[in-house]
Amino acid sequence: MQINGRQIANKIREDLKIDVENLVGQYGMPPGLATVLVGEDPASQTYIRNKHRVCAQLGIASFRYDLPTDASQKEVEDIIDNLNARDDVHGILVQLPLPAHLDEPSILDRINFAKDVDGLHPMNVGLLAMRGRTPTSLPCTPSGVIEMLKASDIDPEGKTAVVIGRSNIVGLPMATLLQQANATVTIAHSRTANLPVLCRSADILVAAIGKPEMVQADWVKDGAVVIDVGINRVDDATSERGYRLVGDVDTKGVEKVASAITPVPGGVGPMTIAMLMVNTYRAAKAIFEAKQS
């Protein structure tokens, strides 16, 4: 079975559009999302364009700030300071990765954690890591995966989960959310010994390592659920664009073994944007309620 991320994301967006309309009716202002993009990376530009397109569809106000590759640390921080102070901006997203000359942690730390819709501020990361605490926002991709599992009636409780990848954006928060869903979780990475053997122990396998089609069918236990977070461009002379998009999993081989698998594209990607919109709505609602009280 392929898990249709587009279909699940569309349902989330349909419900969210109604929530946004109700919020505007109650407070007279739409949620507002601001994006900050530094540089001209084509993939990042595509991601930003898609985010603003979805904002328009949902009635969320959006503000786009594009800076040249050589933008200074101060220029980026000045924009964030301005966005932190604005009443019409409730979510701030800095598109990653940033150019190497910029201090990425300092820039992310500068975002008001109440407007941190990526869930990457240390305050939100810390709250996520603690039992019984609730961060302002959950990281978009991992929370999107959890929503996909729920929508597909896949309960992590009591299951063995392996997450390949330990990035701050996906791997580490993904492992935390699976643990909170009562799975027994192992984080694997490029230096894990006997990685295929470890992966074969997983009832739920999440691949987020950034290597095209790395996970093969013989890495996967019969009946496992496989979540492919990767998106990679590989050369393909037969394609009009000269390349094709693949995940971190060899989908054709693995889907013969897995009970459920997410395709690339059309799996996790749409969920990431949907959860960003959910985070923006929730951040705006919390800010409006705090001001009212």
C-alpha atoms as a PDB file:
ATOM      1  CA  MET A   1       0.000   0.000   0.000  1.00  0.00           C
ATOM      2  CA  GLN A   2       1.233   3.470  -0.841  1.00  0.00           C
ATOM      3  CA  ILE A   3       0.379   6.168   1.696  1.00  0.00           C
ATOM      4  CA  ASN A   4      -1.044   9.085  -0.280  1.00  0.00           C
ATOM      5  CA  GLY A   5       0.457  12.176   1.341  1.00  0.00           C
ATOM      6  CA  ARG A   6      -1.261  14.532  -1.079  1.00  0.00           C
ATOM      7  CA  GLN A   7      -4.687  13.177  -0.191  1.00  0.00           C
ATOM      8  CA  ILE A   8      -4.066  13.389   3.552  1.00  0.00           C
ATOM      9  CA  ALA A   9      -2.584  16.887   3.232  1.00  0.00           C
ATOM     10  CA  ASN A  10      -5.558  18.061   1.161  1.00  0.00           C
ATOM     11  CA  LYS A  11      -7.953  16.945   3.913  1.00  0.00           C
ATOM     12  CA  ILE A  12      -5.893  18.820   6.527  1.00  0.00           C
ATOM     13  CA  ARG A  13      -5.940  21.921   4.333  1.00  0.00           C
ATOM     14  CA  GLU A  14      -9.710  21.705   3.769  1.00  0.00           C
ATOM     15  CA  ASP A  15     -10.333  21.635   7.512  1.00  0.00           C
ATOM     16  CA  LEU A  16      -7.742  24.331   8.123  1.00  0.00           C
ATOM     17  CA  LYS A  17      -9.334  26.715   5.624  1.00  0.00           C
ATOM     18  CA  ILE A  18     -12.516  26.648   7.700  1.00  0.00           C
ATOM     19  CA  ASP A  19     -10.515  27.223  10.902  1.00  0.00           C
ATOM     20  CA  VAL A  20      -8.776  30.214   9.328  1.00  0.00           C
ATOM     21  CA  GLU A  21     -12.089  31.708   8.214  1.00  0.00           C
ATOM     22  CA  ASN A  22     -13.459  31.327  11.741  1.00  0.00           C
ATOM     23  CA  LEU A  23     -10.347  32.915  13.227  1.00  0.00           C
ATOM     24  CA  VAL A  24     -10.634  35.904  10.904  1.00  0.00           C
ATOM     25  CA  GLY A  25     -14.301  36.234  11.821  1.00  0.00           C
ATOM     26  CA  GLN A  26     -13.451  36.219  15.515  1.00  0.00           C
ATOM     27  CA  TYR A  27     -10.393  38.471  15.552  1.00  0.00           C
ATOM     28  CA  GLY A  28     -10.647  40.441  12.305  1.00  0.00           C
ATOM     29  CA  MET A  29      -7.163  39.484  11.124  1.00  0.00           C
ATOM     30  CA  PRO A  30      -5.789  36.479   9.232  1.00  0.00           C
ATOM     31  CA  PRO A  31      -2.814  34.469  10.402  1.00  0.00           C
ATOM     32  CA  GLY A  32       0.367  35.844   8.855  1.00  0.00           C
ATOM     33  CA  LEU A  33       3.418  33.860   7.718  1.00  0.00           C
ATOM     34  CA  ALA A  34       6.710  35.530   6.792  1.00  0.00           C
ATOM     35  CA  THR A  35       9.478  33.692   4.958  1.00  0.00           C
ATOM     36  CA  VAL A  36      13.127  34.676   4.737  1.00  0.00           C
ATOM     37  CA  LEU A  37      15.171  33.220   1.875  1.00  0.00           C
ATOM     38  CA  VAL A  38      18.877  33.949   1.477  1.00  0.00           C
ATOM     39  CA  GLY A  39      20.439  33.007  -1.846  1.00  0.00           C
ATOM     40  CA  GLU A  40      19.231  31.615  -5.151  1.00  0.00           C
ATOM     41  CA  ASP A  41      19.099  27.869  -4.568  1.00  0.00           C
ATOM     42  CA  PRO A  42      16.458  26.595  -7.059  1.00  0.00           C
ATOM     43  CA  ALA A  43      15.051  23.970  -4.687  1.00  0.00           C
ATOM     44  CA  SER A  44      14.668  26.525  -1.880  1.00  0.00           C
ATOM     45  CA  GLN A  45      12.976  28.958  -4.250  1.00  0.00           C
ATOM     46  CA  THR A  46      10.517  26.250  -5.267  1.00  0.00           C
ATOM     47  CA  TYR A  47       9.759  25.405  -1.632  1.00  0.00           C
ATOM     48  CA  ILE A  48       9.138  29.070  -0.790  1.00  0.00           C
ATOM     49  CA  ARG A  49       6.930  29.605  -3.835  1.00  0.00           C
ATOM     50  CA  ASN A  50       4.823  26.574  -2.916  1.00  0.00           C
ATOM     51  CA  LYS A  51       4.417  27.771   0.667  1.00  0.00           C
ATOM     52  CA  HIS A  52       3.125  31.168  -0.417  1.00  0.00           C
ATOM     53  CA  ARG A  53       0.794  29.566  -2.952  1.00  0.00           C
ATOM     54  CA  VAL A  54      -0.790  27.414  -0.231  1.00  0.00           C
ATOM     55  CA  CYS A  55      -1.083  30.436   2.079  1.00  0.00           C
ATOM     56  CA  ALA A  56      -3.136  32.202  -0.592  1.00  0.00           C
ATOM     57  CA  GLN A  57      -5.397  29.173  -0.986  1.00  0.00           C
ATOM     58  CA  LEU A  58      -6.089  29.029   2.757  1.00  0.00           C
ATOM     59  CA  GLY A  59      -6.578  32.745   3.410  1.00  0.00           C
ATOM     60  CA  ILE A  60      -3.312  33.079   5.331  1.00  0.00           C
ATOM     61  CA  ALA A  61      -1.479  36.357   4.738  1.00  0.00           C
ATOM     62  CA  SER A  62       2.093  35.848   3.573  1.00  0.00           C
ATOM     63  CA  PHE A  63       5.135  38.083   3.421  1.00  0.00           C
ATOM     64  CA  ARG A  64       8.223  37.140   1.444  1.00  0.00           C
ATOM     65  CA  TYR A  65      11.738  38.428   2.051  1.00  0.00           C
ATOM     66  CA  ASP A  66      14.373  37.324  -0.466  1.00  0.00           C
ATOM     67  CA  LEU A  67      17.985  38.337   0.114  1.00  0.00           C
ATOM     68  CA  PRO A  68      21.085  37.869  -2.063  1.00  0.00           C
ATOM     69  CA  THR A  69      23.557  35.099  -1.303  1.00  0.00           C
ATOM     70  CA  ASP A  70      26.051  37.583   0.153  1.00  0.00           C
ATOM     71  CA  ALA A  71      23.579  39.122   2.623  1.00  0.00           C
ATOM     72  CA  SER A  72      25.209  39.883   5.950  1.00  0.00           C
ATOM     73  CA  GLN A  73      24.335  38.421   9.336  1.00  0.00           C
ATOM     74  CA  LYS A  74      23.064  41.835  10.412  1.00  0.00           C
ATOM     75  CA  GLU A  75      20.785  42.165   7.394  1.00  0.00           C
ATOM     76  CA  VAL A  76      19.116  38.846   8.141  1.00  0.00           C
ATOM     77  CA  GLU A  77      18.851  39.549  11.867  1.00  0.00           C
ATOM     78  CA  ASP A  78      17.382  43.017  11.237  1.00  0.00           C
ATOM     79  CA  ILE A  79      14.604  41.454   9.154  1.00  0.00           C
ATOM     80  CA  ILE A  80      13.856  38.922  11.893  1.00  0.00           C
ATOM     81  CA  ASP A  81      13.763  41.672  14.533  1.00  0.00           C
ATOM     82  CA  ASN A  82      11.284  43.579  12.397  1.00  0.00           C
ATOM     83  CA  LEU A  83       9.105  40.494  11.906  1.00  0.00           C
ATOM     84  CA  ASN A  84       9.206  39.687  15.620  1.00  0.00           C
ATOM     85  CA  ALA A  85       7.740  43.135  16.330  1.00  0.00           C
ATOM     86  CA  ARG A  86       4.986  43.078  13.688  1.00  0.00           C
ATOM     87  CA  ASP A  87       1.413  42.412  14.833  1.00  0.00           C
ATOM     88  CA  ASP A  88       0.387  41.016  11.431  1.00  0.00           C
ATOM     89  CA  VAL A  89       3.101  38.330  11.405  1.00  0.00           C
ATOM     90  CA  HIS A  90       2.453  35.273  13.583  1.00  0.00           C
ATOM     91  CA  GLY A  91       4.845  32.804  11.995  1.00  0.00           C
ATOM     92  CA  ILE A  92       8.435  33.274  10.817  1.00  0.00           C
ATOM     93  CA  LEU A  93      10.240  30.732   8.661  1.00  0.00           C
ATOM     94  CA  VAL A  94      13.888  31.021   7.643  1.00  0.00           C
ATOM     95  CA  GLN A  95      14.455  28.723   4.682  1.00  0.00           C
ATOM     96  CA  LEU A  96      17.322  26.316   5.281  1.00  0.00           C
ATOM     97  CA  PRO A  97      20.084  25.719   4.466  1.00  0.00           C
ATOM     98  CA  LEU A  98      21.584  29.181   4.791  1.00  0.00           C
ATOM     99  CA  PRO A  99      24.802  30.213   3.008  1.00  0.00           C
ATOM    100  CA  ALA A 100      27.888  29.004   4.849  1.00  0.00           C
ATOM    101  CA  HIS A 101      29.040  32.468   5.954  1.00  0.00           C
ATOM    102  CA  LEU A 102      25.915  32.992   8.074  1.00  0.00           C
ATOM    103  CA  ASP A 103      25.596  31.817  11.680  1.00  0.00           C
ATOM    104  CA  GLU A 104      22.528  29.600  11.336  1.00  0.00           C
ATOM    105  CA  PRO A 105      21.983  28.846  15.067  1.00  0.00           C
ATOM    106  CA  SER A 106      22.108  32.552  15.976  1.00  0.00           C
ATOM    107  CA  ILE A 107      19.593  33.392  13.267  1.00  0.00           C
ATOM    108  CA  LEU A 108      17.154  30.655  14.327  1.00  0.00           C
ATOM    109  CA  ASP A 109      17.584  31.596  18.000  1.00  0.00           C
ATOM    110  CA  ARG A 110      16.642  35.185  17.176  1.00  0.00           C
ATOM    111  CA  ILE A 111      13.124  34.248  16.084  1.00  0.00           C
ATOM    112  CA  ASN A 112      10.516  34.845  18.786  1.00  0.00           C
ATOM    113  CA  PHE A 113       9.781  31.263  19.868  1.00  0.00           C
ATOM    114  CA  ALA A 114       6.036  32.065  19.843  1.00  0.00           C
ATOM    115  CA  LYS A 115       6.401  32.715  16.087  1.00  0.00           C
ATOM    116  CA  ASP A 116       8.728  29.780  15.443  1.00  0.00           C
ATOM    117  CA  VAL A 117       6.504  27.787  13.075  1.00  0.00           C
ATOM    118  CA  ASP A 118       9.372  25.471  12.087  1.00  0.00           C
ATOM    119  CA  GLY A 119       9.730  24.254  15.680  1.00  0.00           C
ATOM    120  CA  LEU A 120      13.498  24.782  15.600  1.00  0.00           C
ATOM    121  CA  HIS A 121      13.971  27.381  18.348  1.00  0.00           C
ATOM    122  CA  PRO A 122      15.890  25.894  21.321  1.00  0.00           C
ATOM    123  CA  MET A 123      12.938  26.687  23.587  1.00  0.00           C
ATOM    124  CA  ASN A 124      10.578  24.647  21.421  1.00  0.00           C
ATOM    125  CA  VAL A 125      13.133  21.857  20.957  1.00  0.00           C
ATOM    126  CA  GLY A 126      13.579  21.662  24.719  1.00  0.00           C
ATOM    127  CA  LEU A 127       9.849  21.558  25.376  1.00  0.00           C
ATOM    128  CA  LEU A 128       9.462  18.815  22.765  1.00  0.00           C
ATOM    129  CA  ALA A 129      12.148  16.736  24.464  1.00  0.00           C
ATOM    130  CA  MET A 130      10.462  16.894  27.878  1.00  0.00           C
ATOM    131  CA  ARG A 131       7.528  14.698  28.806  1.00  0.00           C
ATOM    132  CA  GLY A 132       4.366  16.582  29.653  1.00  0.00           C
ATOM    133  CA  ARG A 133       5.469  19.819  27.970  1.00  0.00           C
ATOM    134  CA  THR A 134       3.974  21.368  24.846  1.00  0.00           C
ATOM    135  CA  PRO A 135       6.091  23.391  22.395  1.00  0.00           C
ATOM    136  CA  THR A 136       4.589  26.318  20.502  1.00  0.00           C
ATOM    137  CA  SER A 137       5.104  24.383  17.258  1.00  0.00           C
ATOM    138  CA  LEU A 138       6.195  20.895  16.316  1.00  0.00           C
ATOM    139  CA  PRO A 139       8.757  20.470  13.509  1.00  0.00           C
ATOM    140  CA  CYS A 140       6.721  20.271  10.305  1.00  0.00           C
ATOM    141  CA  THR A 141       8.058  17.151   8.612  1.00  0.00           C
ATOM    142  CA  PRO A 142       8.108  14.865  11.684  1.00  0.00           C
ATOM    143  CA  SER A 143       4.659  16.010  12.805  1.00  0.00           C
ATOM    144  CA  GLY A 144       3.455  15.452   9.233  1.00  0.00           C
ATOM    145  CA  VAL A 145       4.704  11.865   9.406  1.00  0.00           C
ATOM    146  CA  ILE A 146       2.801  11.288  12.649  1.00  0.00           C
ATOM    147  CA  GLU A 147      -0.375  12.659  11.017  1.00  0.00           C
ATOM    148  CA  MET A 148       0.147  10.342   8.035  1.00  0.00           C
ATOM    149  CA  LEU A 149       0.413   7.342  10.341  1.00  0.00           C
ATOM    150  CA  LYS A 150      -2.770   8.361  12.178  1.00  0.00           C
ATOM    151  CA  ALA A 151      -4.672   8.880   8.924  1.00  0.00           C
ATOM    152  CA  SER A 152      -3.523   5.440   7.745  1.00  0.00           C
ATOM    153  CA  ASP A 153      -4.564   3.734  11.014  1.00  0.00           C
ATOM    154  CA  ILE A 154      -0.973   2.847  11.828  1.00  0.00           C
ATOM    155  CA  ASP A 155      -0.398   3.058  15.574  1.00  0.00           C
ATOM    156  CA  PRO A 156       3.279   3.218  16.651  1.00  0.00           C
ATOM    157  CA  GLU A 157       2.469   2.047  20.187  1.00  0.00           C
ATOM    158  CA  GLY A 158       4.435  -1.035  21.134  1.00  0.00           C
ATOM    159  CA  LYS A 159       6.233  -1.157  17.801  1.00  0.00           C
ATOM    160  CA  THR A 160       9.951  -1.040  17.083  1.00  0.00           C
ATOM    161  CA  ALA A 161      10.936   2.038  15.085  1.00  0.00           C
ATOM    162  CA  VAL A 162      14.243   2.878  13.431  1.00  0.00           C
ATOM    163  CA  VAL A 163      14.960   6.412  12.214  1.00  0.00           C
ATOM    164  CA  ILE A 164      17.878   6.704   9.790  1.00  0.00           C
ATOM    165  CA  GLY A 165      19.227  10.237  10.164  1.00  0.00           C
ATOM    166  CA  ARG A 166      19.921  12.512  13.123  1.00  0.00           C
ATOM    167  CA  SER A 167      19.362  16.017  11.768  1.00  0.00           C
ATOM    168  CA  ASN A 168      17.798  18.702  13.942  1.00  0.00           C
ATOM    169  CA  ILE A 169      15.092  19.221  11.319  1.00  0.00           C
ATOM    170  CA  VAL A 170      13.901  15.628  10.837  1.00  0.00           C
ATOM    171  CA  GLY A 171      15.800  12.757  12.471  1.00  0.00           C
ATOM    172  CA  LEU A 172      16.003  13.837  16.103  1.00  0.00           C
ATOM    173  CA  PRO A 173      12.458  15.265  16.442  1.00  0.00           C
ATOM    174  CA  MET A 174      11.057  12.312  14.474  1.00  0.00           C
ATOM    175  CA  ALA A 175      12.549   9.920  16.992  1.00  0.00           C
ATOM    176  CA  THR A 176      11.134  11.981  19.865  1.00  0.00           C
ATOM    177  CA  LEU A 177       7.621  12.043  18.413  1.00  0.00           C
ATOM    178  CA  LEU A 178       7.662   8.297  17.759  1.00  0.00           C
ATOM    179  CA  GLN A 179       8.829   7.706  21.327  1.00  0.00           C
ATOM    180  CA  GLN A 180       6.012   9.927  22.592  1.00  0.00           C
ATOM    181  CA  ALA A 181       3.651   7.726  20.555  1.00  0.00           C
ATOM    182  CA  ASN A 182       4.977   4.799  22.650  1.00  0.00           C
ATOM    183  CA  ALA A 183       7.215   3.206  20.040  1.00  0.00           C
ATOM    184  CA  THR A 184      10.614   1.804  21.004  1.00  0.00           C
ATOM    185  CA  VAL A 185      12.984   3.925  18.943  1.00  0.00           C
ATOM    186  CA  THR A 186      16.535   3.604  17.662  1.00  0.00           C
ATOM    187  CA  ILE A 187      18.306   6.461  15.846  1.00  0.00           C
ATOM    188  CA  ALA A 188      20.662   5.230  13.133  1.00  0.00           C
ATOM    189  CA  HIS A 189      23.057   7.206  10.951  1.00  0.00           C
ATOM    190  CA  SER A 190      25.952   6.962   8.520  1.00  0.00           C
ATOM    191  CA  ARG A 191      28.275   5.506  11.166  1.00  0.00           C
ATOM    192  CA  THR A 192      25.885   2.911  12.538  1.00  0.00           C
ATOM    193  CA  ALA A 193      27.396  -0.568  12.404  1.00  0.00           C
ATOM    194  CA  ASN A 194      25.418  -3.241  10.522  1.00  0.00           C
ATOM    195  CA  LEU A 195      22.807  -0.717   9.420  1.00  0.00           C
ATOM    196  CA  PRO A 196      20.849  -3.119   7.163  1.00  0.00           C
ATOM    197  CA  VAL A 197      20.557  -5.613  10.031  1.00  0.00           C
ATOM    198  CA  LEU A 198      19.264  -2.903  12.373  1.00  0.00           C
ATOM    199  CA  CYS A 199      16.760  -1.695   9.794  1.00  0.00           C
ATOM    200  CA  ARG A 200      15.389  -5.222   9.394  1.00  0.00           C
ATOM    201  CA  SER A 201      14.373  -5.134  13.067  1.00  0.00           C
ATOM    202  CA  ALA A 202      11.989  -2.206  12.483  1.00  0.00           C
ATOM    203  CA  ASP A 203       8.212  -2.353  12.351  1.00  0.00           C
ATOM    204  CA  ILE A 204       8.378   1.309  11.322  1.00  0.00           C
ATOM    205  CA  LEU A 205      11.378   2.493   9.309  1.00  0.00           C
ATOM    206  CA  VAL A 206      11.901   6.203   8.646  1.00  0.00           C
ATOM    207  CA  ALA A 207      14.587   7.093   6.091  1.00  0.00           C
ATOM    208  CA  ALA A 208      15.884  10.663   6.366  1.00  0.00           C
ATOM    209  CA  ILE A 209      19.541  10.406   5.467  1.00  0.00           C
ATOM    210  CA  GLY A 210      19.714  12.243   2.121  1.00  0.00           C
ATOM    211  CA  LYS A 211      21.198   9.443  -0.018  1.00  0.00           C
ATOM    212  CA  PRO A 212      19.278   8.425  -3.154  1.00  0.00           C
ATOM    213  CA  GLU A 213      17.597   5.022  -2.901  1.00  0.00           C
ATOM    214  CA  MET A 214      19.940   3.894  -0.142  1.00  0.00           C
ATOM    215  CA  VAL A 215      17.406   1.647   1.603  1.00  0.00           C
ATOM    216  CA  GLN A 216      16.991  -1.574  -0.348  1.00  0.00           C
ATOM    217  CA  ALA A 217      14.382  -4.316  -0.115  1.00  0.00           C
ATOM    218  CA  ASP A 218      16.691  -6.619   1.854  1.00  0.00           C
ATOM    219  CA  TRP A 219      16.970  -3.913   4.539  1.00  0.00           C
ATOM    220  CA  VAL A 220      13.241  -4.127   5.278  1.00  0.00           C
ATOM    221  CA  LYS A 221      11.312  -6.630   7.379  1.00  0.00           C
ATOM    222  CA  ASP A 222       8.267  -8.220   5.747  1.00  0.00           C
ATOM    223  CA  GLY A 223       5.216  -6.123   6.569  1.00  0.00           C
ATOM    224  CA  ALA A 224       7.123  -3.105   7.879  1.00  0.00           C
ATOM    225  CA  VAL A 225       5.870   0.454   7.390  1.00  0.00           C
ATOM    226  CA  VAL A 226       8.435   2.535   5.485  1.00  0.00           C
ATOM    227  CA  ILE A 227       8.400   6.335   5.574  1.00  0.00           C
ATOM    228  CA  ASP A 228      10.665   7.941   2.966  1.00  0.00           C
ATOM    229  CA  VAL A 229      11.512  11.514   3.967  1.00  0.00           C
ATOM    230  CA  GLY A 230      14.276  11.964   1.398  1.00  0.00           C
ATOM    231  CA  ILE A 231      14.011  13.886  -1.840  1.00  0.00           C
ATOM    232  CA  ASN A 232      16.986  13.741  -4.175  1.00  0.00           C
ATOM    233  CA  ARG A 233      17.650  14.727  -7.768  1.00  0.00           C
ATOM    234  CA  VAL A 234      19.341  12.076  -9.875  1.00  0.00           C
ATOM    235  CA  ASP A 235      20.421  12.507 -13.483  1.00  0.00           C
ATOM    236  CA  ASP A 236      18.035  10.988 -16.010  1.00  0.00           C
ATOM    237  CA  ALA A 237      18.668  11.569 -19.699  1.00  0.00           C
ATOM    238  CA  THR A 238      15.208  10.199 -20.548  1.00  0.00           C
ATOM    239  CA  SER A 239      13.478  12.940 -18.544  1.00  0.00           C
ATOM    240  CA  GLU A 240      12.525  16.278 -20.080  1.00  0.00           C
ATOM    241  CA  ARG A 241      14.170  18.051 -17.151  1.00  0.00           C
ATOM    242  CA  GLY A 242      17.295  15.924 -17.315  1.00  0.00           C
ATOM    243  CA  TYR A 243      16.699  14.545 -13.825  1.00  0.00           C
ATOM    244  CA  ARG A 244      14.121  12.745 -11.738  1.00  0.00           C
ATOM    245  CA  LEU A 245      13.201  12.915  -8.075  1.00  0.00           C
ATOM    246  CA  VAL A 246      13.785   9.908  -5.859  1.00  0.00           C
ATOM    247  CA  GLY A 247      13.711   9.320  -2.135  1.00  0.00           C
ATOM    248  CA  ASP A 248      16.131   7.623   0.227  1.00  0.00           C
ATOM    249  CA  VAL A 249      14.332   4.327  -0.396  1.00  0.00           C
ATOM    250  CA  ASP A 250      14.327   2.095  -3.476  1.00  0.00           C
ATOM    251  CA  THR A 251      10.547   2.310  -3.747  1.00  0.00           C
ATOM    252  CA  LYS A 252      10.033  -0.289  -6.477  1.00  0.00           C
ATOM    253  CA  GLY A 253      11.929  -2.916  -4.554  1.00  0.00           C
ATOM    254  CA  VAL A 254      10.812  -2.048  -1.037  1.00  0.00           C
ATOM    255  CA  GLU A 255       7.098  -1.768  -1.789  1.00  0.00           C
ATOM    256  CA  LYS A 256       7.097  -5.507  -2.553  1.00  0.00           C
ATOM    257  CA  VAL A 257       8.137  -6.157   1.041  1.00  0.00           C
ATOM    258  CA  ALA A 258       6.553  -3.330   3.061  1.00  0.00           C
ATOM    259  CA  SER A 259       2.942  -3.275   4.174  1.00  0.00           C
ATOM    260  CA  ALA A 260       2.864   0.493   3.591  1.00  0.00           C
ATOM    261  CA  ILE A 261       5.279   2.987   2.018  1.00  0.00           C
ATOM    262  CA  THR A 262       5.304   6.686   1.196  1.00  0.00           C
ATOM    263  CA  PRO A 263       6.105   7.573  -2.424  1.00  0.00           C
ATOM    264  CA  VAL A 264       8.473  10.305  -3.600  1.00  0.00           C
ATOM    265  CA  PRO A 265       7.127  12.697  -4.700  1.00  0.00           C
ATOM    266  CA  GLY A 266       3.622  12.804  -3.241  1.00  0.00           C
ATOM    267  CA  GLY A 267       4.321  11.349   0.178  1.00  0.00           C
ATOM    268  CA  VAL A 268       5.878  13.310   3.016  1.00  0.00           C
ATOM    269  CA  GLY A 269       6.448  16.538   1.046  1.00  0.00           C
ATOM    270  CA  PRO A 270       2.818  17.742   0.906  1.00  0.00           C
ATOM    271  CA  MET A 271       2.450  16.958   4.601  1.00  0.00           C
ATOM    272  CA  THR A 272       5.358  19.227   5.512  1.00  0.00           C
ATOM    273  CA  ILE A 273       3.677  22.268   3.942  1.00  0.00           C
ATOM    274  CA  ALA A 274       0.291  21.329   5.420  1.00  0.00           C
ATOM    275  CA  MET A 275       1.761  21.167   8.927  1.00  0.00           C
ATOM    276  CA  LEU A 276       3.524  24.501   8.406  1.00  0.00           C
ATOM    277  CA  MET A 277       0.119  26.029   7.720  1.00  0.00           C
ATOM    278  CA  VAL A 278      -1.329  24.321  10.805  1.00  0.00           C
ATOM    279  CA  ASN A 279       1.527  25.715  12.902  1.00  0.00           C
ATOM    280  CA  THR A 280       0.942  29.223  11.532  1.00  0.00           C
ATOM    281  CA  TYR A 281      -2.760  29.041  12.366  1.00  0.00           C
ATOM    282  CA  ARG A 282      -2.085  27.760  15.882  1.00  0.00           C
ATOM    283  CA  ALA A 283       0.585  30.398  16.520  1.00  0.00           C
ATOM    284  CA  ALA A 284      -1.794  33.155  15.406  1.00  0.00           C
ATOM    285  CA  LYS A 285      -4.627  31.774  17.558  1.00  0.00           C
ATOM    286  CA  ALA A 286      -2.358  31.636  20.623  1.00  0.00           C
ATOM    287  CA  ILE A 287      -1.154  35.202  20.046  1.00  0.00           C
ATOM    288  CA  PHE A 288      -4.693  36.512  19.545  1.00  0.00           C
ATOM    289  CA  GLU A 289      -5.937  34.745  22.684  1.00  0.00           C
ATOM    290  CA  ALA A 290      -3.012  36.023  24.756  1.00  0.00           C
ATOM    291  CA  LYS A 291      -3.702  39.609  23.691  1.00  0.00           C
ATOM    292  CA  GLN A 292      -7.399  39.256  24.406  1.00  0.00           C
ATOM    293  CA  SER A 293      -6.786  37.955  27.908  1.00  0.00           C
END
